[in-house]
Protein backbone atom coordinates (compact mmCIF):
# COMPACT_ATOMS: atom_id res chain seq x y z
CA MET A 1 -10.95 11.32 27.29
CA LEU A 2 -8.87 11.14 24.12
CA ALA A 3 -7.39 7.82 25.25
CA PHE A 4 -10.88 6.33 25.66
CA GLY A 5 -11.82 7.58 22.19
CA ALA A 6 -8.65 6.04 20.76
CA PHE A 7 -9.39 2.75 22.52
CA LEU A 8 -12.94 2.58 21.17
CA SER A 9 -11.81 3.52 17.68
CA VAL A 10 -9.15 0.81 17.56
CA VAL A 11 -11.47 -1.86 18.97
CA GLN A 12 -14.04 -0.95 16.28
CA GLY A 13 -11.36 -1.23 13.59
CA ASN A 14 -10.92 2.51 12.96
CA TRP A 15 -7.13 2.39 13.22
CA VAL A 16 -6.47 5.77 11.60
CA VAL A 17 -8.87 7.60 13.93
CA GLY A 18 -7.46 5.67 16.89
CA LEU A 19 -3.91 6.61 15.96
CA TRP A 20 -4.75 10.30 15.64
CA LEU A 21 -6.63 10.32 18.95
CA PHE A 22 -3.74 8.51 20.64
CA LEU A 23 -1.25 11.05 19.24
CA ALA A 24 -3.52 13.89 20.35
CA ALA A 25 -3.64 12.39 23.86
CA LEU A 26 0.16 12.21 23.97
CA ALA A 27 0.54 15.75 22.62
CA SER A 28 -1.95 17.21 25.10
CA ASP A 29 -0.23 15.40 27.97
CA PHE A 30 3.14 16.81 26.91
CA LEU A 31 1.74 20.30 26.38
CA ASP A 32 -0.04 20.28 29.74
CA GLY A 33 3.14 19.36 31.62
CA PHE A 34 5.24 21.81 29.63
CA LEU A 35 2.88 24.71 30.26
CA ALA A 36 2.49 23.87 33.95
CA LYS A 37 6.26 24.04 34.41
CA LYS A 38 6.66 27.10 32.17
CA LEU A 39 3.92 29.02 34.01
CA ASN A 40 5.03 27.75 37.42
CA ALA A 41 1.58 26.22 37.93
CA VAL A 42 2.74 22.83 39.21
CA THR A 43 0.63 21.36 42.02
CA LYS A 44 0.75 18.08 43.90
CA LEU A 45 -2.73 17.16 42.62
CA GLY A 46 -1.67 17.99 39.06
CA GLU A 47 1.37 15.73 39.35
CA GLU A 48 -0.80 12.86 40.62
CA MET A 49 -3.39 13.38 37.89
CA ASP A 50 -0.67 13.49 35.23
CA GLY A 51 0.67 10.14 36.36
CA LEU A 52 -2.83 8.69 36.33
CA ALA A 53 -3.48 10.04 32.83
CA ASP A 54 -0.20 8.54 31.59
CA SER A 55 -1.18 5.17 33.02
CA VAL A 56 -4.64 5.30 31.43
CA VAL A 57 -3.17 6.05 27.99
CA VAL A 58 -0.68 3.18 28.23
CA VAL A 59 -3.12 0.62 29.65
CA LEU A 60 -5.87 1.44 27.16
CA GLY A 61 -3.38 1.31 24.30
CA LEU A 62 -2.15 -2.11 25.40
CA PHE A 63 -5.68 -3.41 25.97
CA SER A 64 -6.76 -2.28 22.51
CA LEU A 65 -3.85 -4.18 20.96
CA ALA A 66 -4.68 -7.31 22.97
CA ILE A 67 -8.40 -7.15 22.18
CA THR A 68 -7.73 -6.83 18.45
CA GLY A 69 -5.27 -9.72 18.54
CA HIS A 70 -2.17 -7.66 17.74
CA MET A 71 -0.59 -8.48 21.10
CA SER A 72 -0.89 -11.58 23.24
CA TRP A 73 -2.79 -11.48 26.51
CA TRP A 74 0.09 -13.07 28.42
CA PHE A 75 2.35 -10.20 27.33
CA LEU A 76 -0.25 -7.65 28.43
CA LEU A 77 -0.59 -9.30 31.82
CA SER A 78 3.21 -9.46 32.20
CA VAL A 79 3.56 -5.75 31.44
CA LEU A 80 0.77 -4.85 33.87
CA MET A 81 2.29 -6.98 36.66
CA VAL A 82 5.73 -5.46 36.17
CA GLY A 83 4.22 -1.97 36.08
CA ALA A 84 2.24 -2.62 39.26
CA ALA A 85 5.36 -3.90 41.01
CA LEU A 86 7.25 -0.71 40.12
CA VAL A 87 4.58 1.56 41.63
């Protein structure tokens, strides 16, 4: 949810809010994985959801940069195609 908030903030030109939401998304992702391992609460579903959440953060971050003109669309498409090929 934080990644979607960051995306909307950046697209609307609220770069500072977007940055803080993006950093919060990264921190919560790190903390979630750290605590799951520390508390021995790792599950197969959790691992799959973590990978999905990581992908959402990256894709929304890249899309926000492309939409605002800070990154070219051809570069975005290249990154997405390479990422899809690696999966």
